[in-house]
């Protein structure tokens, strides 16, 4: 199997599993919106969940994976499976100890963390105290999910992608079940959601361990912390934390500033982020996770040309997917918010406010996606310092734009600032990588982007016309409106693929060929 086919197949497996998880995530958020609306309780929950979730994205899925996978791949290629097994157990042991300490500190100092990150909550009676309570319940989620991230890095390097991707389904199921079943048993009903998060993290970890055992990597304690490979991972880890997590750091800055805006702003941003991250989780993260092991393997073998070709393909695939997704999310922002969340405690005005944030987030969709795909090239080269420079510039951009735009645009300005920051981060990463390794095939990348944009124009016009045929402000008729939106999306996808094929897009041809092979089987 060629590297391109392997990446496309891995991205397909990850995308399919993640699609199911994201759909259940949408169901989860629909349940939350209808049960709790957008007010003090949801602001407190989303803020409380933001703290361990941010640490997860920084420390676990982002930095840890980026520091661990290249070193683990190099060890597997150059020193064999037994040495790679030793390294995996060393990392698992050390990570368990470190994250256990971080979790305990997080629980103890929860009031300080909440006060620092959401200073505006103290102005509303009871809001700060509820946020602290929920944060303490959910903080151990960081412990479980950090170990899950390490397992994911091992399994992805071994070319097993399905289990880590599908395990997030059980987090969503756990939250849905707990919200519906346990809500009456707590003084603050939303505490049931926090319990669901904790239980979901535990289930995700338990799912990984038998698969690791079956693939010849049973988890066993190992305490030789002087191992040089472990030291290398530790050295890569610190700068990777900021390099990978700048997007999430920017979101956190947005939430801190949103806590100073009218009540509900934190919730509007959360609901918008959930829809914004749907194509990210299904497609972009799948491509990035599929590309990193391949890049790391090629870097370990010293094949720089093959590495650049793999990266070029990953970037082109990302552009082909995210440009029409950007157009679709922008046009369908209000219909999506109305159908998914309006009802119960969540009224039409709330849906419109959340849709505003989604439109501004969507403008940066391709930029955020490309950062996630390009950054692994530096990590494959075991260079985690260079992305820190881009990350720091992006953070300053986000902070400056947020302060400038939150006044006139309120929470929408915070979302737009995140998109502008991602644009700066992406541009700087490309420029620095080109200086490091030479040409990245810019003409092919530009051709893909232009063809995707041209194919998206008729798709966007068709979608805009179709969405204008329904009155989304009126409650009820959910089934009819759902059919209207689903039909519109299906026609839009068909329109895009047809236009891309007529424009002789390479990526469209490859995807259609893959689908035909699958159907033939």
Protein backbone atom coordinates (compact mmCIF):
# COMPACT_ATOMS: atom_id res chain seq x y z
CA UNK A 1 0.00 0.00 0.00
CA UNK A 2 1.38 3.46 -0.94
CA UNK A 3 1.83 6.13 1.74
CA UNK A 4 -0.95 8.22 0.17
CA UNK A 5 -3.37 5.29 0.20
CA UNK A 6 -2.40 4.49 3.76
CA UNK A 7 -3.04 8.06 4.88
CA UNK A 8 -6.37 8.23 3.04
CA UNK A 9 -7.46 4.88 4.47
CA UNK A 10 -6.39 5.82 8.02
CA UNK A 11 -8.13 9.18 7.72
CA UNK A 12 -11.24 7.37 6.51
CA UNK A 13 -11.24 4.99 9.49
CA UNK A 14 -10.65 7.85 11.91
CA UNK A 15 -13.23 10.01 10.18
CA UNK A 16 -15.92 7.31 10.28
CA UNK A 17 -15.39 6.59 13.96
CA UNK A 18 -15.17 10.26 14.81
CA UNK A 19 -18.29 11.02 12.76
CA UNK A 20 -20.29 8.72 15.01
CA UNK A 21 -18.76 10.32 18.08
CA UNK A 22 -19.48 13.83 16.83
CA UNK A 23 -23.08 12.96 16.00
CA UNK A 24 -23.54 11.69 19.53
CA UNK A 25 -21.77 14.83 20.74
CA UNK A 26 -24.40 16.88 18.94
CA UNK A 27 -27.14 14.78 20.56
CA UNK A 28 -25.46 15.39 23.92
CA UNK A 29 -25.42 19.14 23.35
CA UNK A 30 -29.05 19.08 22.24
CA UNK A 31 -29.93 17.35 25.51
CA UNK A 32 -27.91 19.93 27.48
CA UNK A 33 -29.51 22.85 25.62
CA UNK A 34 -33.04 21.59 26.20
CA UNK A 35 -32.52 20.65 29.83
CA UNK A 36 -30.42 23.64 30.91
CA UNK A 37 -30.66 26.34 28.18
CA UNK A 38 -27.97 29.04 28.10
CA UNK A 39 -27.60 30.79 31.44
CA UNK A 40 -25.87 30.57 34.80
CA UNK A 41 -25.82 26.75 35.11
CA UNK A 42 -24.52 26.11 31.57
CA UNK A 43 -22.00 28.94 31.82
CA UNK A 44 -20.71 27.35 35.06
CA UNK A 45 -20.54 23.85 33.55
CA UNK A 46 -18.83 24.85 30.30
CA UNK A 47 -16.37 27.03 32.20
CA UNK A 48 -15.62 24.27 34.72
CA UNK A 49 -15.15 21.69 31.96
CA UNK A 50 -12.93 24.11 30.08
CA UNK A 51 -10.16 23.87 32.69
CA UNK A 52 -9.39 20.10 32.64
CA UNK A 53 -10.31 19.98 28.95
CA UNK A 54 -7.82 22.73 28.16
CA UNK A 55 -5.08 20.89 30.06
CA UNK A 56 -6.02 17.72 28.15
CA UNK A 57 -5.67 19.45 24.81
CA UNK A 58 -2.43 21.15 25.78
CA UNK A 59 -0.75 18.41 27.74
CA UNK A 60 -2.26 15.17 26.49
CA UNK A 61 -3.67 15.09 22.96
CA UNK A 62 -1.53 17.97 21.76
CA UNK A 63 1.91 18.21 23.27
CA UNK A 64 2.28 14.66 24.59
CA UNK A 65 1.30 13.03 21.31
CA UNK A 66 3.52 15.38 19.30
CA UNK A 67 6.53 14.74 21.55
CA UNK A 68 5.96 11.01 22.02
CA UNK A 69 5.00 9.73 18.54
CA UNK A 70 8.19 10.82 16.65
CA UNK A 71 10.48 9.39 19.36
CA UNK A 72 8.44 6.19 19.64
CA UNK A 73 8.40 5.78 15.84
CA UNK A 74 12.15 6.31 15.64
CA UNK A 75 12.73 3.75 18.40
CA UNK A 76 10.48 1.21 16.70
CA UNK A 77 12.19 1.67 13.31
CA UNK A 78 15.79 1.79 14.52
CA UNK A 79 15.89 -0.31 17.71
CA UNK A 80 13.07 -2.79 17.37
CA UNK A 81 9.82 -3.70 19.08
CA UNK A 82 11.25 -4.75 22.46
CA UNK A 83 12.92 -1.37 22.97
CA UNK A 84 9.76 0.43 21.83
CA UNK A 85 7.75 -1.60 24.36
CA UNK A 86 10.10 -0.52 27.15
CA UNK A 87 9.75 3.12 26.14
CA UNK A 88 5.95 2.88 26.06
CA UNK A 89 5.85 1.45 29.59
CA UNK A 90 8.28 4.08 30.87
CA UNK A 91 6.11 6.87 29.48
CA UNK A 92 2.93 5.31 30.84
CA UNK A 93 4.43 5.00 34.33
CA UNK A 94 5.82 8.52 34.44
CA UNK A 95 2.68 10.05 32.96
CA UNK A 96 0.53 8.27 35.56
CA UNK A 97 2.57 9.77 38.40
CA UNK A 98 2.77 13.28 36.96
CA UNK A 99 -0.90 13.59 35.99
CA UNK A 100 -2.02 12.18 39.35
CA UNK A 101 -0.15 15.02 41.10
CA UNK A 102 -1.54 17.62 38.64
CA UNK A 103 -5.06 16.31 39.22
CA UNK A 104 -4.77 16.55 43.00
CA UNK A 105 -3.38 20.09 42.73
CA UNK A 106 -6.19 21.04 40.37
CA UNK A 107 -8.84 19.85 42.82
CA UNK A 108 -7.23 21.65 45.77
CA UNK A 109 -6.66 24.93 43.94
CA UNK A 110 -9.88 24.88 41.94
CA UNK A 111 -11.18 28.17 43.45
CA UNK A 112 -8.00 29.95 42.39
CA UNK A 113 -8.12 28.51 38.86
CA UNK A 114 -11.77 29.48 38.38
CA UNK A 115 -11.13 32.97 39.70
CA UNK A 116 -8.16 33.47 37.36
CA UNK A 117 -9.89 32.11 34.27
CA UNK A 118 -13.42 33.43 34.78
CA UNK A 119 -13.16 36.57 36.91
CA UNK A 120 -16.58 37.86 35.85
CA UNK A 121 -18.37 34.94 37.57
CA UNK A 122 -17.94 36.45 41.03
CA UNK A 123 -20.39 39.22 40.09
CA UNK A 124 -23.29 36.73 39.88
CA UNK A 125 -24.36 35.21 43.24
CA UNK A 126 -23.69 31.47 43.35
CA UNK A 127 -22.11 31.25 39.89
CA UNK A 128 -18.51 31.14 41.10
CA UNK A 129 -19.28 28.51 43.78
CA UNK A 130 -21.14 26.28 41.32
CA UNK A 131 -18.25 26.49 38.84
CA UNK A 132 -15.75 25.45 41.54
CA UNK A 133 -17.93 22.48 42.55
CA UNK A 134 -18.29 21.25 38.96
CA UNK A 135 -14.59 21.75 38.25
CA UNK A 136 -13.60 19.62 41.25
CA UNK A 137 -15.94 16.83 40.16
CA UNK A 138 -14.53 16.82 36.61
CA UNK A 139 -10.82 17.41 37.22
CA UNK A 140 -9.94 13.68 37.48
CA UNK A 141 -11.10 13.43 33.87
CA UNK A 142 -7.67 14.89 33.03
CA UNK A 143 -5.98 11.85 34.60
CA UNK A 144 -7.94 9.32 32.56
CA UNK A 145 -7.84 11.17 29.25
CA UNK A 146 -4.09 11.87 29.44
CA UNK A 147 -3.43 8.13 29.63
CA UNK A 148 -5.90 7.63 26.79
CA UNK A 149 -3.85 10.09 24.68
CA UNK A 150 -0.66 8.11 25.28
CA UNK A 151 -2.43 4.88 24.32
CA UNK A 152 -3.69 6.63 21.19
CA UNK A 153 -0.13 7.63 20.26
CA UNK A 154 1.09 4.04 20.59
CA UNK A 155 -1.84 2.53 18.70
CA UNK A 156 -1.72 5.11 15.88
CA UNK A 157 2.01 4.49 15.40
CA UNK A 158 1.18 0.79 15.12
CA UNK A 159 -1.44 1.79 12.52
CA UNK A 160 -4.42 0.99 14.68
CA UNK A 161 -6.73 4.01 14.57
CA UNK A 162 -10.25 2.77 15.25
CA UNK A 163 -10.34 2.15 19.02
CA UNK A 164 -8.97 5.55 20.12
CA UNK A 165 -11.37 7.31 17.75
CA UNK A 166 -14.47 5.31 18.70
CA UNK A 167 -13.85 5.56 22.46
CA UNK A 168 -15.08 9.15 22.54
CA UNK A 169 -18.53 7.80 21.69
CA UNK A 170 -18.72 6.47 25.23
CA UNK A 171 -17.90 9.85 26.76
CA UNK A 172 -20.91 11.32 24.98
CA UNK A 173 -23.13 8.37 25.92
CA UNK A 174 -22.06 8.64 29.54
CA UNK A 175 -22.91 12.36 29.68
CA UNK A 176 -26.30 11.85 28.00
CA UNK A 177 -27.30 8.98 30.30
CA UNK A 178 -26.14 10.75 33.46
CA UNK A 179 -27.86 14.01 32.51
CA UNK A 180 -31.17 12.24 31.95
CA UNK A 181 -31.00 9.72 34.81
CA UNK A 182 -29.11 11.45 37.65
CA UNK A 183 -30.35 15.02 37.33
CA UNK A 184 -33.06 14.71 40.05
CA UNK A 185 -30.56 13.45 42.65
CA UNK A 186 -28.43 16.59 42.93
CA UNK A 187 -29.05 19.98 44.50
CA UNK A 188 -27.65 21.48 41.30
CA UNK A 189 -29.04 19.24 38.52
CA UNK A 190 -26.21 20.11 36.12
CA UNK A 191 -23.83 18.21 38.46
CA UNK A 192 -25.11 15.05 36.74
CA UNK A 193 -23.32 16.17 33.57
CA UNK A 194 -20.04 16.52 35.47
CA UNK A 195 -20.43 12.97 36.80
CA UNK A 196 -21.00 11.82 33.22
CA UNK A 197 -17.71 13.41 32.14
CA UNK A 198 -15.80 11.63 34.90
CA UNK A 199 -17.35 8.24 34.15
CA UNK A 200 -16.81 8.71 30.40
CA UNK A 201 -13.09 9.35 30.87
CA UNK A 202 -12.72 6.13 32.86
CA UNK A 203 -14.55 4.10 30.20
CA UNK A 204 -12.31 5.52 27.45
CA UNK A 205 -9.17 4.40 29.27
CA UNK A 206 -10.49 0.93 30.02
CA UNK A 207 -11.22 0.45 26.30
CA UNK A 208 -7.59 1.05 25.21
CA UNK A 209 -5.81 -1.38 27.51
CA UNK A 210 -7.01 -4.73 26.05
CA UNK A 211 -6.16 -3.53 22.52
CA UNK A 212 -2.64 -2.59 23.61
CA UNK A 213 -2.25 -6.03 25.21
CA UNK A 214 -3.48 -7.76 22.05
CA UNK A 215 -0.98 -5.83 19.90
CA UNK A 216 1.93 -6.86 22.13
CA UNK A 217 2.16 -3.77 24.34
CA UNK A 218 0.79 -4.76 27.76
CA UNK A 219 0.93 -1.92 30.29
CA UNK A 220 3.48 -2.64 33.02
CA UNK A 221 5.13 -0.28 35.52
CA UNK A 222 8.70 0.67 34.70
CA UNK A 223 10.72 3.20 36.72
CA UNK A 224 13.99 3.71 34.80
CA UNK A 225 13.42 7.46 34.46
CA UNK A 226 17.04 8.09 33.39
CA UNK A 227 16.36 6.57 30.00
CA UNK A 228 17.75 8.93 27.28
CA UNK A 229 14.66 8.47 25.10
CA UNK A 230 12.46 9.57 27.98
CA UNK A 231 14.63 12.63 28.46
CA UNK A 232 14.27 13.48 24.78
CA UNK A 233 10.48 13.27 25.03
CA UNK A 234 10.56 15.47 28.14
CA UNK A 235 12.66 18.07 26.30
CA UNK A 236 10.27 18.04 23.35
CA UNK A 237 7.21 18.18 25.59
CA UNK A 238 7.55 21.66 27.11
CA UNK A 239 7.69 23.72 23.90
CA UNK A 240 5.17 21.43 22.20
CA UNK A 241 2.63 22.39 24.85
CA UNK A 242 2.32 25.92 23.52
CA UNK A 243 2.99 25.01 19.90
CA UNK A 244 0.08 22.59 19.61
CA UNK A 245 -2.31 24.25 22.00
CA UNK A 246 -2.34 27.86 20.81
CA UNK A 247 -5.80 27.47 19.28
CA UNK A 248 -7.19 26.22 22.57
CA UNK A 249 -5.30 28.89 24.48
CA UNK A 250 -6.98 31.46 22.28
CA UNK A 251 -10.39 29.93 22.98
CA UNK A 252 -9.61 30.11 26.70
CA UNK A 253 -8.73 33.80 26.39
CA UNK A 254 -12.04 34.24 24.60
CA UNK A 255 -13.91 32.55 27.45
CA UNK A 256 -12.13 34.64 30.07
CA UNK A 257 -13.17 37.80 28.25
CA UNK A 258 -16.65 36.36 27.60
CA UNK A 259 -17.15 36.04 31.35
CA UNK A 260 -17.04 39.86 31.40
CA UNK A 261 -19.78 40.12 28.75
CA UNK A 262 -23.56 39.67 29.26
CA UNK A 263 -24.70 36.37 30.78
CA UNK A 264 -24.92 33.56 28.24
CA UNK A 265 -21.87 34.67 26.25
CA UNK A 266 -19.74 31.73 27.46
CA UNK A 267 -22.53 29.35 26.42
CA UNK A 268 -22.97 30.96 22.98
CA UNK A 269 -19.26 30.50 22.30
CA UNK A 270 -19.39 26.90 23.52
CA UNK A 271 -22.30 25.89 21.28
CA UNK A 272 -20.61 27.60 18.31
CA UNK A 273 -17.31 25.85 19.05
CA UNK A 274 -19.06 22.49 19.15
CA UNK A 275 -20.42 22.91 15.63
CA UNK A 276 -17.18 24.50 14.42
CA UNK A 277 -15.19 21.53 15.71
CA UNK A 278 -17.44 18.99 13.98
CA UNK A 279 -15.59 19.11 10.62
CA UNK A 280 -12.34 19.56 12.55
CA UNK A 281 -12.89 16.40 14.56
CA UNK A 282 -14.24 14.31 11.71
CA UNK A 283 -11.83 15.33 8.96
CA UNK A 284 -8.93 17.54 10.04
CA UNK A 285 -7.90 15.71 13.19
CA UNK A 286 -8.27 12.44 11.27
CA UNK A 287 -5.87 13.66 8.57
CA UNK A 288 -3.43 15.05 11.16
CA UNK A 289 -3.42 11.82 13.18
CA UNK A 290 -2.93 9.78 10.01
CA UNK A 291 -0.11 12.01 8.75
CA UNK A 292 1.99 12.26 11.94
CA UNK A 293 3.07 8.57 12.14
CA UNK A 294 3.93 8.62 8.42
CA UNK A 295 5.93 11.84 8.75
CA UNK A 296 7.72 10.52 11.84
CA UNK A 297 8.60 7.25 10.11
CA UNK A 298 9.96 9.04 7.03
CA UNK A 299 11.94 11.48 9.18
CA UNK A 300 13.42 8.58 11.15
CA UNK A 301 14.47 6.98 7.85
CA UNK A 302 16.00 10.29 6.65
CA UNK A 303 13.72 10.47 3.59
CA UNK A 304 13.01 14.21 3.50
CA UNK A 305 11.53 14.21 -0.01
CA UNK A 306 8.98 11.55 0.92
CA UNK A 307 8.14 13.49 4.08
CA UNK A 308 7.45 16.66 2.11
CA UNK A 309 5.31 14.74 -0.37
CA UNK A 310 3.29 13.24 2.50
CA UNK A 311 2.82 16.68 4.05
CA UNK A 312 1.83 18.18 0.71
CA UNK A 313 -0.82 15.50 0.28
CA UNK A 314 -2.15 16.03 3.82
CA UNK A 315 -2.40 19.79 3.26
CA UNK A 316 -4.16 19.37 -0.09
CA UNK A 317 -6.63 16.91 1.40
CA UNK A 318 -7.32 19.34 4.24
CA UNK A 319 -7.92 22.26 1.88
CA UNK A 320 -10.21 20.18 -0.30
CA UNK A 321 -12.37 19.31 2.73
CA UNK A 322 -12.33 22.47 4.83
CA UNK A 323 -12.95 25.16 2.20
CA UNK A 324 -16.45 23.90 1.33
CA UNK A 325 -17.06 23.16 5.02
CA UNK A 326 -16.23 26.82 5.77
CA UNK A 327 -18.80 27.98 3.22
CA UNK A 328 -21.40 25.49 4.42
CA UNK A 329 -21.08 26.37 8.10
CA UNK A 330 -21.31 30.09 7.34
CA UNK A 331 -24.47 29.74 5.24
CA UNK A 332 -26.16 27.19 7.52
CA UNK A 333 -25.20 28.72 10.89
CA UNK A 334 -28.71 29.77 11.96
CA UNK A 335 -30.54 26.67 10.62
CA UNK A 336 -28.05 24.42 12.42
CA UNK A 337 -28.41 26.25 15.74
CA UNK A 338 -32.19 26.29 15.47
CA UNK A 339 -32.53 22.60 14.63
CA UNK A 340 -29.96 21.29 17.08
CA UNK A 341 -30.52 23.47 20.11
CA UNK A 342 -33.69 25.58 19.95
CA UNK A 343 -36.39 24.28 22.26
CA UNK A 344 -37.05 24.04 25.97
CA UNK A 345 -34.86 26.61 27.73
CA UNK A 346 -33.06 27.56 24.49
CA UNK A 347 -35.05 30.15 22.50
CA UNK A 348 -34.60 31.62 19.01
CA UNK A 349 -32.65 34.65 20.20
CA UNK A 350 -30.13 32.31 21.85
CA UNK A 351 -29.86 30.37 18.58
CA UNK A 352 -29.19 33.59 16.63
CA UNK A 353 -26.53 34.72 19.11
CA UNK A 354 -24.77 31.35 18.94
CA UNK A 355 -25.03 31.41 15.13
CA UNK A 356 -23.20 34.77 15.06
CA UNK A 357 -20.29 33.23 16.88
CA UNK A 358 -20.31 30.21 14.56
CA UNK A 359 -20.07 32.42 11.46
CA UNK A 360 -17.02 34.23 12.82
CA UNK A 361 -15.36 30.97 13.94
CA UNK A 362 -16.04 29.41 10.52
CA UNK A 363 -14.01 32.09 8.74
CA UNK A 364 -10.89 30.56 10.27
CA UNK A 365 -11.78 26.91 9.66
CA UNK A 366 -9.14 26.19 7.01
CA UNK A 367 -6.47 28.11 8.92
CA UNK A 368 -7.06 26.18 12.15
CA UNK A 369 -7.10 22.92 10.17
CA UNK A 370 -3.81 23.65 8.40
CA UNK A 371 -2.07 24.50 11.67
CA UNK A 372 -3.02 21.06 12.95
CA UNK A 373 -1.65 19.38 9.83
CA UNK A 374 1.54 21.44 9.35
CA UNK A 375 2.68 21.50 13.00
CA UNK A 376 3.28 17.69 13.02
CA UNK A 377 5.97 18.19 10.35
CA UNK A 378 8.07 20.06 12.92
CA UNK A 379 7.39 17.40 15.55
CA UNK A 380 8.38 14.66 13.11
CA UNK A 381 11.71 16.49 12.77
CA UNK A 382 11.81 16.59 16.59
CA UNK A 383 11.66 20.37 16.48
CA UNK A 384 9.09 21.64 18.97
CA UNK A 385 10.67 25.05 19.43
CA UNK A 386 9.83 26.55 16.06
CA UNK A 387 6.04 26.19 16.47
CA UNK A 388 6.37 28.02 19.79
CA UNK A 389 7.40 31.17 17.93
CA UNK A 390 4.34 30.95 15.69
CA UNK A 391 2.17 30.13 18.69
CA UNK A 392 3.37 33.13 20.67
CA UNK A 393 2.75 35.50 17.75
CA UNK A 394 -0.72 34.00 17.29
CA UNK A 395 -1.51 34.38 20.98
CA UNK A 396 -0.58 38.07 20.89
CA UNK A 397 -2.69 38.55 17.76
CA UNK A 398 -5.67 36.87 19.40
CA UNK A 399 -5.37 38.94 22.56
CA UNK A 400 -5.08 42.19 20.61
CA UNK A 401 -7.97 41.43 18.24
CA UNK A 402 -10.14 40.20 21.14
CA UNK A 403 -9.71 43.40 23.13
CA UNK A 404 -10.36 45.48 20.01
CA UNK A 405 -13.42 43.54 18.78
CA UNK A 406 -15.25 42.44 21.96
CA UNK A 407 -16.69 45.93 22.42
CA UNK A 408 -18.38 46.44 19.04
CA UNK A 409 -19.09 42.75 18.24
CA UNK A 410 -19.47 41.32 21.79
CA UNK A 411 -18.96 37.50 21.80
CA UNK A 412 -18.85 37.51 17.98
CA UNK A 413 -15.72 39.65 18.16
CA UNK A 414 -14.02 37.05 20.34
CA UNK A 415 -14.79 34.35 17.77
CA UNK A 416 -13.49 36.52 14.92
CA UNK A 417 -10.29 37.24 16.87
CA UNK A 418 -9.67 33.48 17.13
CA UNK A 419 -9.99 33.14 13.35
CA UNK A 420 -7.63 36.04 12.64
CA UNK A 421 -5.12 34.58 15.08
CA UNK A 422 -5.28 31.19 13.32
CA UNK A 423 -4.56 32.93 10.00
CA UNK A 424 -1.39 34.46 11.42
CA UNK A 425 -0.32 31.16 12.98
CA UNK A 426 -0.82 29.24 9.75
CA UNK A 427 1.07 31.73 7.60
CA UNK A 428 4.04 31.86 9.93
CA UNK A 429 4.24 28.05 10.23
CA UNK A 430 4.31 27.62 6.45
CA UNK A 431 6.99 30.27 6.06
CA UNK A 432 9.20 28.80 8.78
CA UNK A 433 8.81 25.24 7.49
CA UNK A 434 9.69 26.29 3.94
CA UNK A 435 12.87 27.92 5.23
CA UNK A 436 13.70 24.69 7.08
CA UNK A 437 13.09 22.03 4.40
CA UNK A 438 12.77 23.90 1.13
CA UNK A 439 9.89 23.96 -1.33
CA UNK A 440 6.61 22.47 -0.09
CA UNK A 441 4.97 22.24 -3.50
CA UNK A 442 3.26 25.61 -3.24
CA UNK A 443 1.87 25.57 -6.80
CA UNK A 444 -0.01 22.31 -6.17
CA UNK A 445 -1.31 23.65 -2.87
CA UNK A 446 -2.49 26.89 -4.47
CA UNK A 447 -4.16 24.97 -7.30
CA UNK A 448 -6.04 22.79 -4.81
CA UNK A 449 -7.16 25.84 -2.81
CA UNK A 450 -8.33 27.73 -5.91
CA UNK A 451 -10.21 24.73 -7.31
CA UNK A 452 -11.86 24.05 -3.95
CA UNK A 453 -12.87 27.72 -3.65
CA UNK A 454 -14.27 27.78 -7.20
CA UNK A 455 -16.20 24.55 -6.63
CA UNK A 456 -17.54 25.98 -3.35
CA UNK A 457 -19.08 29.05 -5.01
CA UNK A 458 -21.99 27.28 -6.77
CA UNK A 459 -22.38 25.04 -3.71
CA UNK A 460 -22.65 28.09 -1.43
CA UNK A 461 -25.12 29.86 -3.72
CA UNK A 462 -27.31 26.75 -3.92
CA UNK A 463 -27.21 26.26 -0.14
CA UNK A 464 -28.02 29.93 0.54
CA UNK A 465 -31.04 29.74 -1.78
CA UNK A 466 -32.29 26.49 -0.26
CA UNK A 467 -31.91 27.71 3.35
CA UNK A 468 -33.85 30.87 2.46
CA UNK A 469 -36.90 28.78 1.55
CA UNK A 470 -37.69 28.03 5.24
CA UNK A 471 -38.62 30.25 8.20
CA UNK A 472 -36.13 29.18 10.86
CA UNK A 473 -37.41 31.60 13.50
CA UNK A 474 -40.65 29.70 14.05
CA UNK A 475 -40.71 26.83 16.59
CA UNK A 476 -42.01 23.39 15.69
CA UNK A 477 -41.95 21.43 12.42
CA UNK A 478 -38.60 19.91 13.45
CA UNK A 479 -38.95 16.89 11.19
CA UNK A 480 -39.78 18.98 8.12
CA UNK A 481 -36.98 21.44 8.81
CA UNK A 482 -34.51 18.61 9.47
CA UNK A 483 -35.41 17.05 6.12
CA UNK A 484 -35.02 20.46 4.48
CA UNK A 485 -31.55 20.97 5.97
CA UNK A 486 -30.41 17.39 5.34
CA UNK A 487 -31.59 17.54 1.73
CA UNK A 488 -29.89 20.88 1.26
CA UNK A 489 -26.61 19.58 2.67
CA UNK A 490 -26.76 16.45 0.49
CA UNK A 491 -27.38 18.54 -2.63
CA UNK A 492 -24.59 20.92 -1.63
CA UNK A 493 -22.09 18.06 -1.24
CA UNK A 494 -23.12 16.60 -4.60
CA UNK A 495 -22.82 20.05 -6.20
CA UNK A 496 -19.34 20.55 -4.75
CA UNK A 497 -18.03 17.14 -5.81
CA UNK A 498 -19.49 17.54 -9.30
CA UNK A 499 -17.98 21.01 -9.69
CA UNK A 500 -14.63 19.79 -8.34
CA UNK A 501 -14.66 16.85 -10.74
CA UNK A 502 -15.48 19.11 -13.69
CA UNK A 503 -12.57 21.32 -12.64
CA UNK A 504 -10.36 18.19 -12.66
CA UNK A 505 -9.51 18.28 -9.01
CA UNK A 506 -6.97 15.58 -8.08
CA UNK A 507 -8.46 15.14 -4.61
CA UNK A 508 -12.01 14.74 -5.93
CA UNK A 509 -10.84 12.00 -8.32
CA UNK A 510 -9.02 10.14 -5.51
CA UNK A 511 -11.98 10.34 -3.13
CA UNK A 512 -14.47 9.17 -5.73
CA UNK A 513 -12.14 6.28 -6.63
CA UNK A 514 -11.88 5.31 -2.95
CA UNK A 515 -15.66 5.28 -2.59
CA UNK A 516 -16.01 3.14 -5.72
CA UNK A 517 -13.48 0.61 -4.36
CA UNK A 518 -15.35 0.42 -1.09
CA UNK A 519 -18.68 -0.12 -2.84
CA UNK A 520 -17.13 -2.75 -5.12
CA UNK A 521 -16.03 -4.73 -2.06
